Amino acid sequence: MTDRPVEPTPGPEATDLPEGEPTAAPSPEGGFGDAAAEMANETEVEADVPPHVDTAYDDDVDTEEHELAAMKGSLADLTNDLQRLQAEYANYRKRVDRDRQLVAESAAYKALTPVIEVLDTIDRAKEHGELEGGFKAVADQLERVVASAGLVRFGQPGDAFDPTFHEALSHLGADAEVEVTTVKHVAKGGYRMGDRVVRAAQVLVVDPVDA
């Protein structure tokens, strides 16, 4: 008896399908359509998420701006302090210079005040014509020395009387040639150092007629 080959039994794949329709490939569990839908949903979700912003860079920029503003404020404060110190130093220098000048003037005043009496003697000698020879040379030198030290003589006949600089010893009456009270004669000359009157001029004055 001859053995015939055994034909394979048709399985489910061999199920007859209507002619002309393609055979559908088996799909994984859940189906290909479900997987595609999930991927689309994930893409939409990812598109809705805003892009990541690097906040560390913004923080660094803000920190640098704050530090720059603080440095500018400190610089402005230091500038104001320096200007104030310069002004205070300038005022200090002015006070020191003024005080030094006052000290020098006071020292010169104390030293030259007694010399005024000597100058008065020289003036009387001039009036009487006794200033001659070596005495005249000494007198001229003394006058130059005290003038260089700042002691200035003032008071001449014909000057308008000023109580700030003149001391009226006597009134000699009215004089038609003057319009204001005027120095007629100088008994003792006045002396000043700068704006400081060392001694007022002692004078005799005349008044205008309509006084």
Protein backbone atom coordinates (compact mmCIF):
# COMPACT_ATOMS: atom_id res chain seq x y z
CA MET A 1 0.00 0.00 0.00
CA THR A 2 1.53 3.17 -1.13
CA ASP A 3 1.69 6.03 1.46
CA ARG A 4 0.15 9.26 0.27
CA PRO A 5 1.52 12.53 1.49
CA VAL A 6 -0.53 14.10 4.15
CA GLU A 7 -1.81 17.54 3.14
CA PRO A 8 -1.71 20.21 5.78
CA THR A 9 -4.94 21.05 7.34
CA PRO A 10 -5.96 24.58 6.44
CA GLY A 11 -5.81 26.89 9.45
CA PRO A 12 -7.59 30.09 10.16
CA GLU A 13 -5.30 31.91 7.67
CA ALA A 14 -6.74 29.92 4.90
CA THR A 15 -10.23 31.05 5.57
CA ASP A 16 -11.90 31.82 2.36
CA LEU A 17 -12.39 35.53 1.74
CA PRO A 18 -14.41 37.12 -0.93
CA GLU A 19 -12.46 37.54 -4.10
CA GLY A 20 -10.94 40.92 -4.67
CA GLU A 21 -10.63 42.01 -1.02
CA PRO A 22 -7.15 42.21 0.44
CA THR A 23 -6.22 40.12 3.28
CA ALA A 24 -5.83 42.26 6.43
CA ALA A 25 -2.58 41.83 8.24
CA PRO A 26 -2.81 40.96 11.85
CA SER A 27 -2.44 44.00 14.16
CA PRO A 28 -0.76 44.10 17.50
CA GLU A 29 -2.74 44.18 20.70
CA GLY A 30 -4.75 47.29 20.98
CA GLY A 31 -4.57 47.98 17.25
CA PHE A 32 -2.35 50.22 15.14
CA GLY A 33 -5.00 52.96 15.06
CA ASP A 34 -4.95 53.30 18.82
CA ALA A 35 -1.16 53.68 18.89
CA ALA A 36 -1.27 56.33 16.18
CA ALA A 37 -3.90 58.27 18.10
CA GLU A 38 -1.81 58.18 21.26
CA MET A 39 1.24 59.49 19.37
CA ALA A 40 -0.84 62.34 17.92
CA ASN A 41 -2.11 63.24 21.35
CA GLU A 42 1.40 63.29 22.77
CA THR A 43 2.56 65.55 19.93
CA GLU A 44 -0.27 67.98 20.63
CA VAL A 45 0.54 68.01 24.34
CA GLU A 46 4.21 68.66 23.64
CA ALA A 47 3.28 71.50 21.28
CA ASP A 48 1.23 73.15 24.03
CA VAL A 49 4.16 73.19 26.47
CA PRO A 50 5.99 76.57 26.26
CA PRO A 51 9.68 76.48 25.46
CA HIS A 52 12.03 76.34 28.42
CA VAL A 53 13.30 79.81 29.53
CA ASP A 54 16.79 80.12 30.97
CA THR A 55 16.03 82.07 34.17
CA ALA A 56 19.64 81.76 35.41
CA TYR A 57 20.81 84.21 32.72
CA ASP A 58 18.10 86.74 33.67
CA ASP A 59 19.11 86.43 37.32
CA ASP A 60 22.74 87.14 36.42
CA VAL A 61 21.73 90.20 34.39
CA ASP A 62 19.58 91.54 37.25
CA THR A 63 22.40 90.96 39.72
CA GLU A 64 24.89 92.82 37.53
CA GLU A 65 22.46 95.73 37.11
CA HIS A 66 21.93 95.95 40.87
CA GLU A 67 25.68 95.84 41.48
CA LEU A 68 26.27 98.55 38.85
CA ALA A 69 23.58 100.75 40.40
CA ALA A 70 25.11 100.25 43.84
CA MET A 71 28.57 101.14 42.50
CA LYS A 72 27.19 104.29 40.88
CA GLY A 73 25.52 105.27 44.16
CA SER A 74 28.74 104.68 46.08
CA LEU A 75 30.69 106.72 43.53
CA ALA A 76 28.22 109.60 43.81
CA ASP A 77 28.50 109.51 47.63
CA LEU A 78 32.29 109.49 47.46
CA THR A 79 32.25 112.39 44.99
CA ASN A 80 29.99 114.42 47.29
CA ASP A 81 32.22 113.63 50.27
CA LEU A 82 35.31 114.70 48.32
CA GLN A 83 33.69 117.95 47.21
CA ARG A 84 32.61 118.67 50.78
CA LEU A 85 36.12 117.97 52.08
CA GLN A 86 37.61 120.22 49.40
CA ALA A 87 35.23 123.03 50.35
CA GLU A 88 35.98 122.57 54.05
CA TYR A 89 39.71 122.53 53.35
CA ALA A 90 39.44 125.70 51.23
CA ASN A 91 37.54 127.44 54.05
CA TYR A 92 40.12 126.18 56.53
CA ARG A 93 42.94 127.58 54.42
CA LYS A 94 41.16 130.92 54.20
CA ARG A 95 40.70 131.03 57.97
CA VAL A 96 44.32 130.06 58.56
CA ASP A 97 45.56 132.71 56.12
CA ARG A 98 43.29 135.32 57.67
CA ASP A 99 44.36 134.43 61.20
CA ARG A 100 48.00 134.43 60.15
CA GLN A 101 47.57 137.87 58.62
CA LEU A 102 45.84 139.16 61.74
CA VAL A 103 48.64 137.78 63.91
CA ALA A 104 51.24 139.44 61.71
CA GLU A 105 49.35 142.72 61.74
CA SER A 106 48.93 142.58 65.50
CA ALA A 107 52.64 141.91 65.96
CA ALA A 108 53.51 144.77 63.63
CA TYR A 109 51.00 147.00 65.39
CA LYS A 110 52.56 146.29 68.78
CA ALA A 111 56.04 146.86 67.42
CA LEU A 112 55.28 150.04 65.48
CA THR A 113 52.92 151.80 67.86
CA PRO A 114 55.75 153.12 70.06
CA VAL A 115 57.55 154.34 66.93
CA ILE A 116 54.66 156.71 66.20
CA GLU A 117 55.87 159.00 68.98
CA VAL A 118 59.28 159.15 67.29
CA LEU A 119 57.58 160.02 64.00
CA ASP A 120 55.69 162.82 65.77
CA THR A 121 59.03 164.26 66.93
CA ILE A 122 60.33 164.08 63.36
CA ASP A 123 57.22 165.95 62.12
CA ARG A 124 57.75 168.78 64.66
CA ALA A 125 61.39 169.00 63.64
CA LYS A 126 60.33 169.38 60.01
CA GLU A 127 57.91 172.17 60.92
CA HIS A 128 60.67 174.12 62.66
CA GLY A 129 63.28 173.48 60.02
CA GLU A 130 65.47 171.48 62.33
CA LEU A 131 65.59 168.36 60.18
CA GLU A 132 69.02 168.66 58.55
CA GLY A 133 72.19 166.69 58.03
CA GLY A 134 72.55 163.20 59.41
CA PHE A 135 69.38 163.52 61.47
CA LYS A 136 67.36 164.04 58.28
CA ALA A 137 68.90 160.92 56.67
CA VAL A 138 68.00 158.84 59.72
CA ALA A 139 64.47 160.27 59.78
CA ASP A 140 63.94 159.51 56.09
CA GLN A 141 65.20 155.94 56.53
CA LEU A 142 62.91 155.38 59.53
CA GLU A 143 59.90 156.61 57.58
CA ARG A 144 60.72 154.23 54.72
CA VAL A 145 61.08 151.28 57.11
CA VAL A 146 57.74 151.84 58.85
CA ALA A 147 56.02 152.41 55.50
CA SER A 148 57.36 149.08 54.16
CA ALA A 149 56.03 147.43 57.34
CA GLY A 150 52.53 148.68 56.46
CA LEU A 151 52.28 151.76 58.68
CA VAL A 152 50.81 154.54 56.55
CA ARG A 153 50.48 158.18 57.59
CA PHE A 154 47.34 160.14 56.73
CA GLY A 155 45.77 163.51 57.52
CA GLN A 156 46.48 166.68 55.57
CA PRO A 157 45.08 170.23 55.72
CA GLY A 158 42.15 170.50 53.33
CA ASP A 159 40.86 166.96 53.93
CA ALA A 160 37.14 166.65 54.61
CA PHE A 161 36.65 165.87 58.25
CA ASP A 162 35.86 162.16 58.83
CA PRO A 163 35.30 161.08 62.44
CA THR A 164 36.49 157.60 61.45
CA PHE A 165 39.99 158.94 60.72
CA HIS A 166 40.10 162.32 62.45
CA GLU A 167 39.89 163.51 66.01
CA ALA A 168 38.78 167.15 66.14
CA LEU A 169 40.67 168.94 68.90
CA SER A 170 39.02 172.28 68.21
CA HIS A 171 36.76 174.19 65.81
CA LEU A 172 38.30 177.36 64.43
CA GLY A 173 34.99 178.87 63.37
CA ALA A 174 33.43 179.24 59.93
CA ASP A 175 35.25 179.49 56.63
CA ALA A 176 33.55 180.77 53.48
CA GLU A 177 35.93 178.74 51.30
CA VAL A 178 34.72 175.33 52.52
CA GLU A 179 31.43 173.57 51.93
CA VAL A 180 31.82 170.88 54.58
CA THR A 181 33.69 170.65 57.85
CA THR A 182 37.33 170.63 56.79
CA VAL A 183 40.73 169.99 58.37
CA LYS A 184 42.51 173.31 58.77
CA HIS A 185 45.54 172.23 60.75
CA VAL A 186 47.04 168.83 61.68
CA ALA A 187 48.34 168.68 65.24
CA LYS A 188 49.41 165.04 64.94
CA GLY A 189 49.24 162.88 61.88
CA GLY A 190 47.16 159.75 61.81
CA TYR A 191 48.47 156.26 61.08
CA ARG A 192 46.80 153.10 59.86
CA MET A 193 47.75 149.56 58.93
CA GLY A 194 45.57 148.25 56.14
CA ASP A 195 42.00 149.11 57.15
CA ARG A 196 42.92 149.34 60.82
CA VAL A 197 43.37 152.80 62.25
CA VAL A 198 46.34 152.77 64.61
CA ARG A 199 45.84 156.35 65.64
CA ALA A 200 43.37 158.93 64.42
CA ALA A 201 44.76 162.20 63.14
CA GLN A 202 44.42 164.98 65.69
CA VAL A 203 43.23 168.04 63.81
CA LEU A 204 41.77 171.55 64.03
CA VAL A 205 38.76 172.07 61.75
CA VAL A 206 36.68 174.85 60.24
CA ASP A 207 32.98 174.75 59.40
CA PRO A 208 31.17 176.09 56.34
CA VAL A 209 29.41 179.44 56.75
CA ASP A 210 25.89 178.03 56.50
CA ALA A 211 26.58 175.31 59.06
